[in-house]
């Protein structure tokens, strides 16, 4: 069975896609959201990030050629967005998690004024 034939992988990819749609549909509304809506949005971002981290780890561990190809496409896309050549995407994802935690703290501190 191939990597993308797994029910678990297909389910995770569907969840990632759903989360991305939910997040992208509200991204331009963020500045006008209430404190609770902003925290919910950051929670969705965090959940998406967690799912992406799991998927990326699975891709790294897989011997399936299609999984390796997808991992390479992710790495190449990250490079095109400015990630240094030998950077580990997994580390970058962990750093993004820290940024989300910082956003959450700032929203809590300010009440709602996070641009």
PDB file of N, CA and C in Angstrom:
ATOM      1  N   UNK A   1       0.848  -1.183   0.000  1.00  0.00           N
ATOM      2  CA  UNK A   1       0.000   0.000   0.000  1.00  0.00           C
ATOM      3  C   UNK A   1       0.891   1.243   0.000  1.00  0.00           C
ATOM      4  N   UNK A   2       0.535   2.203  -0.844  1.00  0.00           N
ATOM      5  CA  UNK A   2       1.274   3.450  -0.927  1.00  0.00           C
ATOM      6  C   UNK A   2       0.916   4.394   0.211  1.00  0.00           C
ATOM      7  N   UNK A   3       1.772   5.346   0.421  1.00  0.00           N
ATOM      8  CA  UNK A   3       1.602   6.325   1.491  1.00  0.00           C
ATOM      9  C   UNK A   3       0.232   7.003   1.430  1.00  0.00           C
ATOM     10  N   UNK A   4      -0.162   7.426   0.242  1.00  0.00           N
ATOM     11  CA  UNK A   4      -1.410   8.174   0.093  1.00  0.00           C
ATOM     12  C   UNK A   4      -2.636   7.269  -0.020  1.00  0.00           C
ATOM     13  N   UNK A   5      -2.421   5.950   0.022  1.00  0.00           N
ATOM     14  CA  UNK A   5      -3.534   5.008   0.038  1.00  0.00           C
ATOM     15  C   UNK A   5      -4.034   4.751   1.457  1.00  0.00           C
ATOM     16  N   UNK A   6      -3.270   5.170   2.441  1.00  0.00           N
ATOM     17  CA  UNK A   6      -3.620   4.969   3.842  1.00  0.00           C
ATOM     18  C   UNK A   6      -4.854   5.805   4.212  1.00  0.00           C
ATOM     19  N   UNK A   7      -5.819   5.168   4.857  1.00  0.00           N
ATOM     20  CA  UNK A   7      -7.012   5.886   5.316  1.00  0.00           C
ATOM     21  C   UNK A   7      -6.646   7.004   6.289  1.00  0.00           C
ATOM     22  N   UNK A   8      -5.661   6.746   7.117  1.00  0.00           N
ATOM     23  CA  UNK A   8      -5.229   7.748   8.107  1.00  0.00           C
ATOM     24  C   UNK A   8      -4.646   8.969   7.393  1.00  0.00           C
ATOM     25  N   UNK A   9      -3.787   8.733   6.436  1.00  0.00           N
ATOM     26  CA  UNK A   9      -3.155   9.842   5.699  1.00  0.00           C
ATOM     27  C   UNK A   9      -4.213  10.622   4.935  1.00  0.00           C
ATOM     28  N   UNK A  10      -5.106   9.921   4.249  1.00  0.00           N
ATOM     29  CA  UNK A  10      -6.155  10.618   3.494  1.00  0.00           C
ATOM     30  C   UNK A  10      -7.047  11.439   4.419  1.00  0.00           C
ATOM     31  N   UNK A  11      -7.366  10.890   5.580  1.00  0.00           N
ATOM     32  CA  UNK A  11      -8.189  11.617   6.555  1.00  0.00           C
ATOM     33  C   UNK A  11      -7.468  12.870   7.053  1.00  0.00           C
ATOM     34  N   UNK A  12      -6.182  12.726   7.352  1.00  0.00           N
ATOM     35  CA  UNK A  12      -5.391  13.872   7.820  1.00  0.00           C
ATOM     36  C   UNK A  12      -5.284  14.943   6.735  1.00  0.00           C
ATOM     37  N   UNK A  13      -5.085  14.532   5.497  1.00  0.00           N
ATOM     38  CA  UNK A  13      -5.007  15.500   4.403  1.00  0.00           C
ATOM     39  C   UNK A  13      -6.337  16.240   4.235  1.00  0.00           C
ATOM     40  N   UNK A  14      -7.442  15.529   4.384  1.00  0.00           N
ATOM     41  CA  UNK A  14      -8.763  16.164   4.292  1.00  0.00           C
ATOM     42  C   UNK A  14      -8.948  17.163   5.426  1.00  0.00           C
ATOM     43  N   UNK A  15      -8.522  16.794   6.642  1.00  0.00           N
ATOM     44  CA  UNK A  15      -8.629  17.715   7.783  1.00  0.00           C
ATOM     45  C   UNK A  15      -7.754  18.952   7.575  1.00  0.00           C
ATOM     46  N   UNK A  16      -6.552  18.754   7.060  1.00  0.00           N
ATOM     47  CA  UNK A  16      -5.656  19.884   6.778  1.00  0.00           C
ATOM     48  C   UNK A  16      -6.306  20.815   5.768  1.00  0.00           C
ATOM     49  N   UNK A  17      -6.863  20.254   4.728  1.00  0.00           N
ATOM     50  CA  UNK A  17      -7.521  21.063   3.703  1.00  0.00           C
ATOM     51  C   UNK A  17      -8.695  21.843   4.287  1.00  0.00           C
ATOM     52  N   UNK A  18      -9.494  21.189   5.109  1.00  0.00           N
ATOM     53  CA  UNK A  18     -10.639  21.854   5.742  1.00  0.00           C
ATOM     54  C   UNK A  18     -10.175  22.997   6.646  1.00  0.00           C
ATOM     55  N   UNK A  19      -9.162  22.743   7.455  1.00  0.00           N
ATOM     56  CA  UNK A  19      -8.631  23.784   8.335  1.00  0.00           C
ATOM     57  C   UNK A  19      -8.090  24.961   7.529  1.00  0.00           C
ATOM     58  N   UNK A  20      -7.381  24.677   6.455  1.00  0.00           N
ATOM     59  CA  UNK A  20      -6.844  25.751   5.612  1.00  0.00           C
ATOM     60  C   UNK A  20      -7.973  26.612   5.059  1.00  0.00           C
ATOM     61  N   UNK A  21      -9.024  25.990   4.594  1.00  0.00           N
ATOM     62  CA  UNK A  21     -10.163  26.753   4.066  1.00  0.00           C
ATOM     63  C   UNK A  21     -10.794  27.618   5.148  1.00  0.00           C
ATOM     64  N   UNK A  22     -10.977  27.057   6.343  1.00  0.00           N
ATOM     65  CA  UNK A  22     -11.572  27.825   7.438  1.00  0.00           C
ATOM     66  C   UNK A  22     -10.689  29.006   7.825  1.00  0.00           C
ATOM     67  N   UNK A  23      -9.402  28.789   7.869  1.00  0.00           N
ATOM     68  CA  UNK A  23      -8.461  29.845   8.257  1.00  0.00           C
ATOM     69  C   UNK A  23      -8.395  30.924   7.180  1.00  0.00           C
ATOM     70  N   UNK A  24      -8.225  30.524   5.935  1.00  0.00           N
ATOM     71  CA  UNK A  24      -8.085  31.486   4.847  1.00  0.00           C
ATOM     72  C   UNK A  24      -9.348  32.316   4.651  1.00  0.00           C
ATOM     73  N   UNK A  25     -10.501  31.737   4.952  1.00  0.00           N
ATOM     74  CA  UNK A  25     -11.741  32.485   4.770  1.00  0.00           C
ATOM     75  C   UNK A  25     -11.873  33.632   5.772  1.00  0.00           C
ATOM     76  N   UNK A  26     -11.113  33.581   6.858  1.00  0.00           N
ATOM     77  CA  UNK A  26     -11.212  34.620   7.889  1.00  0.00           C
ATOM     78  C   UNK A  26      -9.943  35.454   8.064  1.00  0.00           C
ATOM     79  N   UNK A  27      -8.913  35.157   7.312  1.00  0.00           N
ATOM     80  CA  UNK A  27      -7.632  35.810   7.553  1.00  0.00           C
ATOM     81  C   UNK A  27      -7.705  37.331   7.403  1.00  0.00           C
ATOM     82  N   UNK A  28      -8.473  37.824   6.460  1.00  0.00           N
ATOM     83  CA  UNK A  28      -8.540  39.275   6.257  1.00  0.00           C
ATOM     84  C   UNK A  28      -9.498  39.956   7.227  1.00  0.00           C
ATOM     85  N   UNK A  29     -10.219  39.176   7.994  1.00  0.00           N
ATOM     86  CA  UNK A  29     -11.131  39.716   9.000  1.00  0.00           C
ATOM     87  C   UNK A  29     -10.468  39.792  10.378  1.00  0.00           C
ATOM     88  N   UNK A  30      -9.244  39.310  10.484  1.00  0.00           N
ATOM     89  CA  UNK A  30      -8.605  39.164  11.789  1.00  0.00           C
ATOM     90  C   UNK A  30      -8.592  40.460  12.590  1.00  0.00           C
ATOM     91  N   UNK A  31      -8.255  41.562  11.973  1.00  0.00           N
ATOM     92  CA  UNK A  31      -8.131  42.826  12.715  1.00  0.00           C
ATOM     93  C   UNK A  31      -9.463  43.306  13.286  1.00  0.00           C
ATOM     94  N   UNK A  32     -10.564  42.873  12.700  1.00  0.00           N
ATOM     95  CA  UNK A  32     -11.867  43.304  13.214  1.00  0.00           C
ATOM     96  C   UNK A  32     -12.533  42.243  14.097  1.00  0.00           C
ATOM     97  N   UNK A  33     -11.842  41.155  14.372  1.00  0.00           N
ATOM     98  CA  UNK A  33     -12.409  40.100  15.210  1.00  0.00           C
ATOM     99  C   UNK A  33     -12.401  40.496  16.678  1.00  0.00           C
ATOM    100  N   UNK A  34     -13.308  39.895  17.419  1.00  0.00           N
ATOM    101  CA  UNK A  34     -13.299  40.062  18.876  1.00  0.00           C
ATOM    102  C   UNK A  34     -12.134  39.254  19.444  1.00  0.00           C
ATOM    103  N   UNK A  35     -11.841  39.491  20.708  1.00  0.00           N
ATOM    104  CA  UNK A  35     -10.771  38.759  21.384  1.00  0.00           C
ATOM    105  C   UNK A  35     -10.991  37.252  21.266  1.00  0.00           C
ATOM    106  N   UNK A  36     -12.203  36.813  21.524  1.00  0.00           N
ATOM    107  CA  UNK A  36     -12.517  35.379  21.483  1.00  0.00           C
ATOM    108  C   UNK A  36     -12.358  34.818  20.065  1.00  0.00           C
ATOM    109  N   UNK A  37     -12.789  35.581  19.072  1.00  0.00           N
ATOM    110  CA  UNK A  37     -12.643  35.138  17.683  1.00  0.00           C
ATOM    111  C   UNK A  37     -11.170  35.045  17.288  1.00  0.00           C
ATOM    112  N   UNK A  38     -10.364  36.008  17.756  1.00  0.00           N
ATOM    113  CA  UNK A  38      -8.933  35.970  17.469  1.00  0.00           C
ATOM    114  C   UNK A  38      -8.275  34.752  18.110  1.00  0.00           C
ATOM    115  N   UNK A  39      -8.647  34.483  19.352  1.00  0.00           N
ATOM    116  CA  UNK A  39      -8.081  33.316  20.027  1.00  0.00           C
ATOM    117  C   UNK A  39      -8.504  32.026  19.326  1.00  0.00           C
ATOM    118  N   UNK A  40      -9.732  31.971  18.876  1.00  0.00           N
ATOM    119  CA  UNK A  40     -10.205  30.799  18.139  1.00  0.00           C
ATOM    120  C   UNK A  40      -9.435  30.654  16.826  1.00  0.00           C
ATOM    121  N   UNK A  41      -9.192  31.763  16.164  1.00  0.00           N
ATOM    122  CA  UNK A  41      -8.436  31.744  14.910  1.00  0.00           C
ATOM    123  C   UNK A  41      -7.010  31.239  15.157  1.00  0.00           C
ATOM    124  N   UNK A  42      -6.368  31.707  16.198  1.00  0.00           N
ATOM    125  CA  UNK A  42      -5.018  31.251  16.528  1.00  0.00           C
ATOM    126  C   UNK A  42      -5.045  29.770  16.902  1.00  0.00           C
ATOM    127  N   UNK A  43      -6.085  29.343  17.603  1.00  0.00           N
ATOM    128  CA  UNK A  43      -6.215  27.918  17.926  1.00  0.00           C
ATOM    129  C   UNK A  43      -6.334  27.069  16.661  1.00  0.00           C
ATOM    130  N   UNK A  44      -7.082  27.558  15.667  1.00  0.00           N
ATOM    131  CA  UNK A  44      -7.189  26.843  14.395  1.00  0.00           C
ATOM    132  C   UNK A  44      -5.835  26.786  13.690  1.00  0.00           C
ATOM    133  N   UNK A  45      -5.099  27.902  13.717  1.00  0.00           N
ATOM    134  CA  UNK A  45      -3.759  27.927  13.140  1.00  0.00           C
ATOM    135  C   UNK A  45      -2.852  26.905  13.832  1.00  0.00           C
ATOM    136  N   UNK A  46      -2.963  26.843  15.147  1.00  0.00           N
ATOM    137  CA  UNK A  46      -2.156  25.907  15.922  1.00  0.00           C
ATOM    138  C   UNK A  46      -2.517  24.457  15.576  1.00  0.00           C
ATOM    139  N   UNK A  47      -3.798  24.175  15.464  1.00  0.00           N
ATOM    140  CA  UNK A  47      -4.237  22.832  15.106  1.00  0.00           C
ATOM    141  C   UNK A  47      -3.742  22.461  13.707  1.00  0.00           C
ATOM    142  N   UNK A  48      -3.846  23.397  12.771  1.00  0.00           N
ATOM    143  CA  UNK A  48      -3.340  23.166  11.422  1.00  0.00           C
ATOM    144  C   UNK A  48      -1.841  22.875  11.466  1.00  0.00           C
ATOM    145  N   UNK A  49      -1.116  23.660  12.201  1.00  0.00           N
ATOM    146  CA  UNK A  49       0.325  23.483  12.311  1.00  0.00           C
ATOM    147  C   UNK A  49       0.672  22.108  12.880  1.00  0.00           C
ATOM    148  N   UNK A  50      -0.041  21.688  13.912  1.00  0.00           N
ATOM    149  CA  UNK A  50       0.199  20.371  14.509  1.00  0.00           C
ATOM    150  C   UNK A  50      -0.019  19.263  13.479  1.00  0.00           C
ATOM    151  N   UNK A  51      -1.091  19.376  12.731  1.00  0.00           N
ATOM    152  CA  UNK A  51      -1.395  18.361  11.711  1.00  0.00           C
ATOM    153  C   UNK A  51      -0.333  18.373  10.605  1.00  0.00           C
ATOM    154  N   UNK A  52       0.137  19.563  10.243  1.00  0.00           N
ATOM    155  CA  UNK A  52       1.186  19.662   9.237  1.00  0.00           C
ATOM    156  C   UNK A  52       2.493  19.053   9.747  1.00  0.00           C
ATOM    157  N   UNK A  53       2.791  19.259  11.035  1.00  0.00           N
ATOM    158  CA  UNK A  53       4.000  18.675  11.612  1.00  0.00           C
ATOM    159  C   UNK A  53       3.939  17.149  11.563  1.00  0.00           C
ATOM    160  N   UNK A  54       2.782  16.585  11.910  1.00  0.00           N
ATOM    161  CA  UNK A  54       2.626  15.133  11.884  1.00  0.00           C
ATOM    162  C   UNK A  54       2.771  14.615  10.452  1.00  0.00           C
ATOM    163  N   UNK A  55       2.111  15.276   9.516  1.00  0.00           N
ATOM    164  CA  UNK A  55       2.201  14.859   8.122  1.00  0.00           C
ATOM    165  C   UNK A  55       3.641  14.945   7.626  1.00  0.00           C
ATOM    166  N   UNK A  56       4.324  16.031   7.932  1.00  0.00           N
ATOM    167  CA  UNK A  56       5.698  16.199   7.481  1.00  0.00           C
ATOM    168  C   UNK A  56       6.595  15.098   8.067  1.00  0.00           C
ATOM    169  N   UNK A  57       6.393  14.767   9.331  1.00  0.00           N
ATOM    170  CA  UNK A  57       7.166  13.694   9.960  1.00  0.00           C
ATOM    171  C   UNK A  57       6.895  12.366   9.265  1.00  0.00           C
ATOM    172  N   UNK A  58       5.640  12.095   8.962  1.00  0.00           N
ATOM    173  CA  UNK A  58       5.297  10.866   8.241  1.00  0.00           C
ATOM    174  C   UNK A  58       5.967  10.841   6.864  1.00  0.00           C
ATOM    175  N   UNK A  59       5.961  11.987   6.191  1.00  0.00           N
ATOM    176  CA  UNK A  59       6.596  12.070   4.882  1.00  0.00           C
ATOM    177  C   UNK A  59       8.091  11.772   4.994  1.00  0.00           C
ATOM    178  N   UNK A  60       8.737  12.340   6.010  1.00  0.00           N
ATOM    179  CA  UNK A  60      10.171  12.122   6.201  1.00  0.00           C
ATOM    180  C   UNK A  60      10.495  10.658   6.471  1.00  0.00           C
ATOM    181  N   UNK A  61       9.610   9.958   7.168  1.00  0.00           N
ATOM    182  CA  UNK A  61       9.873   8.573   7.548  1.00  0.00           C
ATOM    183  C   UNK A  61       9.470   7.557   6.487  1.00  0.00           C
ATOM    184  N   UNK A  62       8.719   8.003   5.510  1.00  0.00           N
ATOM    185  CA  UNK A  62       8.190   7.085   4.504  1.00  0.00           C
ATOM    186  C   UNK A  62       9.230   6.773   3.424  1.00  0.00           C
ATOM    187  N   UNK A  63       9.162   5.541   2.939  1.00  0.00           N
ATOM    188  CA  UNK A  63       9.997   5.140   1.807  1.00  0.00           C
ATOM    189  C   UNK A  63       9.235   5.239   0.489  1.00  0.00           C
ATOM    190  N   UNK A  64       7.957   5.593   0.562  1.00  0.00           N
ATOM    191  CA  UNK A  64       7.126   5.680  -0.629  1.00  0.00           C
ATOM    192  C   UNK A  64       7.636   6.808  -1.527  1.00  0.00           C
ATOM    193  N   UNK A  65       7.845   6.533  -2.808  1.00  0.00           N
ATOM    194  CA  UNK A  65       8.356   7.570  -3.722  1.00  0.00           C
ATOM    195  C   UNK A  65       7.461   8.810  -3.801  1.00  0.00           C
ATOM    196  N   UNK A  66       6.151   8.628  -3.740  1.00  0.00           N
ATOM    197  CA  UNK A  66       5.250   9.783  -3.802  1.00  0.00           C
ATOM    198  C   UNK A  66       5.359  10.627  -2.530  1.00  0.00           C
ATOM    199  N   UNK A  67       5.560   9.976  -1.396  1.00  0.00           N
ATOM    200  CA  UNK A  67       5.749  10.712  -0.139  1.00  0.00           C
ATOM    201  C   UNK A  67       7.055  11.499  -0.188  1.00  0.00           C
ATOM    202  N   UNK A  68       8.104  10.867  -0.704  1.00  0.00           N
ATOM    203  CA  UNK A  68       9.392  11.559  -0.827  1.00  0.00           C
ATOM    204  C   UNK A  68       9.272  12.752  -1.768  1.00  0.00           C
ATOM    205  N   UNK A  69       8.512  12.562  -2.841  1.00  0.00           N
ATOM    206  CA  UNK A  69       8.309  13.650  -3.800  1.00  0.00           C
ATOM    207  C   UNK A  69       7.570  14.817  -3.143  1.00  0.00           C
ATOM    208  N   UNK A  70       6.538  14.520  -2.360  1.00  0.00           N
ATOM    209  CA  UNK A  70       5.790  15.581  -1.687  1.00  0.00           C
ATOM    210  C   UNK A  70       6.678  16.297  -0.674  1.00  0.00           C
ATOM    211  N   UNK A  71       7.479  15.548   0.073  1.00  0.00           N
ATOM    212  CA  UNK A  71       8.401  16.162   1.042  1.00  0.00           C
ATOM    213  C   UNK A  71       9.369  17.089   0.314  1.00  0.00           C
ATOM    214  N   UNK A  72       9.879  16.644  -0.814  1.00  0.00           N
ATOM    215  CA  UNK A  72      10.794  17.482  -1.594  1.00  0.00           C
ATOM    216  C   UNK A  72      10.108  18.737  -2.119  1.00  0.00           C
ATOM    217  N   UNK A  73       8.856  18.620  -2.538  1.00  0.00           N
ATOM    218  CA  UNK A  73       8.110  19.804  -3.008  1.00  0.00           C
ATOM    219  C   UNK A  73       7.904  20.793  -1.872  1.00  0.00           C
ATOM    220  N   UNK A  74       7.623  20.288  -0.682  1.00  0.00           N
ATOM    221  CA  UNK A  74       7.460  21.162   0.490  1.00  0.00           C
ATOM    222  C   UNK A  74       8.776  21.892   0.768  1.00  0.00           C
ATOM    223  N   UNK A  75       9.864  21.149   0.743  1.00  0.00           N
ATOM    224  CA  UNK A  75      11.176  21.744   0.996  1.00  0.00           C
ATOM    225  C   UNK A  75      11.521  22.793  -0.058  1.00  0.00           C
ATOM    226  N   UNK A  76      11.258  22.486  -1.321  1.00  0.00           N
ATOM    227  CA  UNK A  76      11.534  23.437  -2.398  1.00  0.00           C
ATOM    228  C   UNK A  76      10.660  24.688  -2.276  1.00  0.00           C
ATOM    229  N   UNK A  77       9.398  24.503  -1.919  1.00  0.00           N
ATOM    230  CA  UNK A  77       8.501  25.655  -1.725  1.00  0.00           C
ATOM    231  C   UNK A  77       9.003  26.532  -0.586  1.00  0.00           C
ATOM    232  N   UNK A  78       9.465  25.901   0.479  1.00  0.00           N
ATOM    233  CA  UNK A  78       9.990  26.655   1.618  1.00  0.00           C
ATOM    234  C   UNK A  78      11.221  27.461   1.206  1.00  0.00           C
ATOM    235  N   UNK A  79      12.066  26.873   0.375  1.00  0.00           N
ATOM    236  CA  UNK A  79      13.250  27.594  -0.106  1.00  0.00           C
ATOM    237  C   UNK A  79      12.847  28.804  -0.944  1.00  0.00           C
ATOM    238  N   UNK A  80      11.829  28.635  -1.793  1.00  0.00           N
ATOM    239  CA  UNK A  80      11.374  29.748  -2.625  1.00  0.00           C
ATOM    240  C   UNK A  80      10.795  30.877  -1.780  1.00  0.00           C
ATOM    241  N   UNK A  81      10.322  30.549  -0.579  1.00  0.00           N
ATOM    242  CA  UNK A  81       9.770  31.579   0.307  1.00  0.00           C
ATOM    243  C   UNK A  81      10.842  32.164   1.224  1.00  0.00           C
ATOM    244  N   UNK A  82      12.108  31.766   1.010  1.00  0.00           N
ATOM    245  CA  UNK A  82      13.195  32.386   1.758  1.00  0.00           C
ATOM    246  C   UNK A  82      13.849  31.524   2.814  1.00  0.00           C
ATOM    247  N   UNK A  83      13.410  30.295   2.988  1.00  0.00           N
ATOM    248  CA  UNK A  83      14.036  29.410   3.965  1.00  0.00           C
ATOM    249  C   UNK A  83      15.442  29.056   3.485  1.00  0.00           C
ATOM    250  N   UNK A  84      16.453  29.201   4.337  1.00  0.00           N
ATOM    251  CA  UNK A  84      17.814  28.848   3.921  1.00  0.00           C
ATOM    252  C   UNK A  84      17.889  27.399   3.425  1.00  0.00           C
ATOM    253  N   UNK A  85      18.780  27.127   2.499  1.00  0.00           N
ATOM    254  CA  UNK A  85      18.853  25.856   1.776  1.00  0.00           C
ATOM    255  C   UNK A  85      18.902  24.627   2.689  1.00  0.00           C
ATOM    256  N   UNK A  86      19.704  24.606   3.694  1.00  0.00           N
ATOM    257  CA  UNK A  86      19.843  23.409   4.534  1.00  0.00           C
ATOM    258  C   UNK A  86      18.975  23.441   5.789  1.00  0.00           C
ATOM    259  N   UNK A  87      17.962  24.266   5.799  1.00  0.00           N
ATOM    260  CA  UNK A  87      17.084  24.351   6.965  1.00  0.00           C
ATOM    261  C   UNK A  87      16.159  23.146   7.030  1.00  0.00           C
ATOM    262  N   UNK A  88      15.811  22.762   8.253  1.00  0.00           N
ATOM    263  CA  UNK A  88      14.885  21.658   8.483  1.00  0.00           C
ATOM    264  C   UNK A  88      13.477  22.228   8.612  1.00  0.00           C
ATOM    265  N   UNK A  89      12.591  21.819   7.728  1.00  0.00           N
ATOM    266  CA  UNK A  89      11.213  22.319   7.744  1.00  0.00           C
ATOM    267  C   UNK A  89      10.559  21.999   9.082  1.00  0.00           C
ATOM    268  N   UNK A  90      10.895  20.857   9.672  1.00  0.00           N
ATOM    269  CA  UNK A  90      10.346  20.496  10.980  1.00  0.00           C
ATOM    270  C   UNK A  90      10.689  21.526  12.051  1.00  0.00           C
ATOM    271  N   UNK A  91      11.907  22.042  12.018  1.00  0.00           N
ATOM    272  CA  UNK A  91      12.328  23.077  12.976  1.00  0.00           C
ATOM    273  C   UNK A  91      11.558  24.372  12.709  1.00  0.00           C
ATOM    274  N   UNK A  92      11.382  24.694  11.444  1.00  0.00           N
ATOM    275  CA  UNK A  92      10.631  25.894  11.076  1.00  0.00           C
ATOM    276  C   UNK A  92       9.199  25.794  11.626  1.00  0.00           C
ATOM    277  N   UNK A  93       8.582  24.634  11.491  1.00  0.00           N
ATOM    278  CA  UNK A  93       7.221  24.447  12.001  1.00  0.00           C
ATOM    279  C   UNK A  93       7.177  24.638  13.518  1.00  0.00           C
ATOM    280  N   UNK A  94       8.203  24.156  14.211  1.00  0.00           N
ATOM    281  CA  UNK A  94       8.268  24.356  15.669  1.00  0.00           C
ATOM    282  C   UNK A  94       8.401  25.837  16.005  1.00  0.00           C
ATOM    283  N   UNK A  95       9.179  26.570  15.209  1.00  0.00           N
ATOM    284  CA  UNK A  95       9.327  28.011  15.430  1.00  0.00           C
ATOM    285  C   UNK A  95       8.004  28.737  15.205  1.00  0.00           C
ATOM    286  N   UNK A  96       7.247  28.296  14.231  1.00  0.00           N
ATOM    287  CA  UNK A  96       5.935  28.900  13.985  1.00  0.00           C
ATOM    288  C   UNK A  96       5.026  28.666  15.184  1.00  0.00           C
ATOM    289  N   UNK A  97       5.135  27.506  15.803  1.00  0.00           N
ATOM    290  CA  UNK A  97       4.335  27.217  17.005  1.00  0.00           C
ATOM    291  C   UNK A  97       4.648  28.231  18.101  1.00  0.00           C
ATOM    292  N   UNK A  98       5.908  28.606  18.229  1.00  0.00           N
ATOM    293  CA  UNK A  98       6.296  29.608  19.229  1.00  0.00           C
ATOM    294  C   UNK A  98       5.690  30.966  18.893  1.00  0.00           C
ATOM    295  N   UNK A  99       5.644  31.306  17.608  1.00  0.00           N
ATOM    296  CA  UNK A  99       5.035  32.567  17.178  1.00  0.00           C
ATOM    297  C   UNK A  99       3.540  32.564  17.513  1.00  0.00           C
ATOM    298  N   UNK A 100       2.872  31.450  17.289  1.00  0.00           N
ATOM    299  CA  UNK A 100       1.443  31.363  17.616  1.00  0.00           C
ATOM    300  C   UNK A 100       1.214  31.531  19.111  1.00  0.00           C
ATOM    301  N   UNK A 101       2.091  30.945  19.918  1.00  0.00           N
ATOM    302  CA  UNK A 101       1.956  31.108  21.367  1.00  0.00           C
ATOM    303  C   UNK A 101       2.148  32.574  21.748  1.00  0.00           C
ATOM    304  N   UNK A 102       3.081  33.242  21.109  1.00  0.00           N
ATOM    305  CA  UNK A 102       3.305  34.657  21.364  1.00  0.00           C
ATOM    306  C   UNK A 102       2.071  35.475  20.969  1.00  0.00           C
ATOM    307  N   UNK A 103       1.462  35.137  19.843  1.00  0.00           N
ATOM    308  CA  UNK A 103       0.239  35.830  19.409  1.00  0.00           C
ATOM    309  C   UNK A 103      -0.867  35.643  20.445  1.00  0.00           C
ATOM    310  N   UNK A 104      -1.020  34.410  20.910  1.00  0.00           N
ATOM    311  CA  UNK A 104      -2.051  34.097  21.899  1.00  0.00           C
ATOM    312  C   UNK A 104      -1.842  34.930  23.165  1.00  0.00           C
ATOM    313  N   UNK A 105      -0.600  35.017  23.613  1.00  0.00           N
ATOM    314  CA  UNK A 105      -0.277  35.800  24.815  1.00  0.00           C
ATOM    315  C   UNK A 105      -0.558  37.279  24.597  1.00  0.00           C
ATOM    316  N   UNK A 106      -0.228  37.773  23.417  1.00  0.00           N
ATOM    317  CA  UNK A 106      -0.462  39.194  23.129  1.00  0.00           C
ATOM    318  C   UNK A 106      -1.958  39.505  23.091  1.00  0.00           C
ATOM    319  N   UNK A 107      -2.731  38.625  22.515  1.00  0.00           N
ATOM    320  CA  UNK A 107      -4.185  38.817  22.483  1.00  0.00           C
ATOM    321  C   UNK A 107      -4.718  38.837  23.909  1.00  0.00           C
ATOM    322  N   UNK A 108      -4.240  37.920  24.734  1.00  0.00           N
ATOM    323  CA  UNK A 108      -4.675  37.891  26.133  1.00  0.00           C
ATOM    324  C   UNK A 108      -4.286  39.153  26.872  1.00  0.00           C
ATOM    325  N   UNK A 109      -3.072  39.645  26.605  1.00  0.00           N
ATOM    326  CA  UNK A 109      -2.563  40.834  27.287  1.00  0.00           C
ATOM    327  C   UNK A 109      -3.298  42.104  26.879  1.00  0.00           C
ATOM    328  N   UNK A 110      -3.571  42.229  25.579  1.00  0.00           N
ATOM    329  CA  UNK A 110      -4.130  43.477  25.074  1.00  0.00           C
ATOM    330  C   UNK A 110      -5.662  43.470  25.048  1.00  0.00           C
ATOM    331  N   UNK A 111      -6.230  42.300  25.205  1.00  0.00           N
ATOM    332  CA  UNK A 111      -7.680  42.226  25.151  1.00  0.00           C
ATOM    333  C   UNK A 111      -8.197  41.928  23.765  1.00  0.00           C
ATOM    334  N   UNK A 112      -7.697  42.633  22.763  1.00  0.00           N
ATOM    335  CA  UNK A 112      -8.135  42.322  21.397  1.00  0.00           C
ATOM    336  C   UNK A 112      -7.306  42.987  20.316  1.00  0.00           C
ATOM    337  N   UNK A 113      -6.468  43.926  20.656  1.00  0.00           N
ATOM    338  CA  UNK A 113      -5.790  44.724  19.641  1.00  0.00           C
ATOM    339  C   UNK A 113      -4.520  44.073  19.114  1.00  0.00           C
ATOM    340  N   UNK A 114      -4.679  43.065  18.319  1.00  0.00           N
ATOM    341  CA  UNK A 114      -3.540  42.462  17.635  1.00  0.00           C
ATOM    342  C   UNK A 114      -3.794  42.616  16.155  1.00  0.00           C
ATOM    343  N   UNK A 115      -2.951  43.386  15.481  1.00  0.00           N
ATOM    344  CA  UNK A 115      -3.184  43.609  14.049  1.00  0.00           C
ATOM    345  C   UNK A 115      -3.073  42.331  13.239  1.00  0.00           C
TER     346      UNK A 115
END
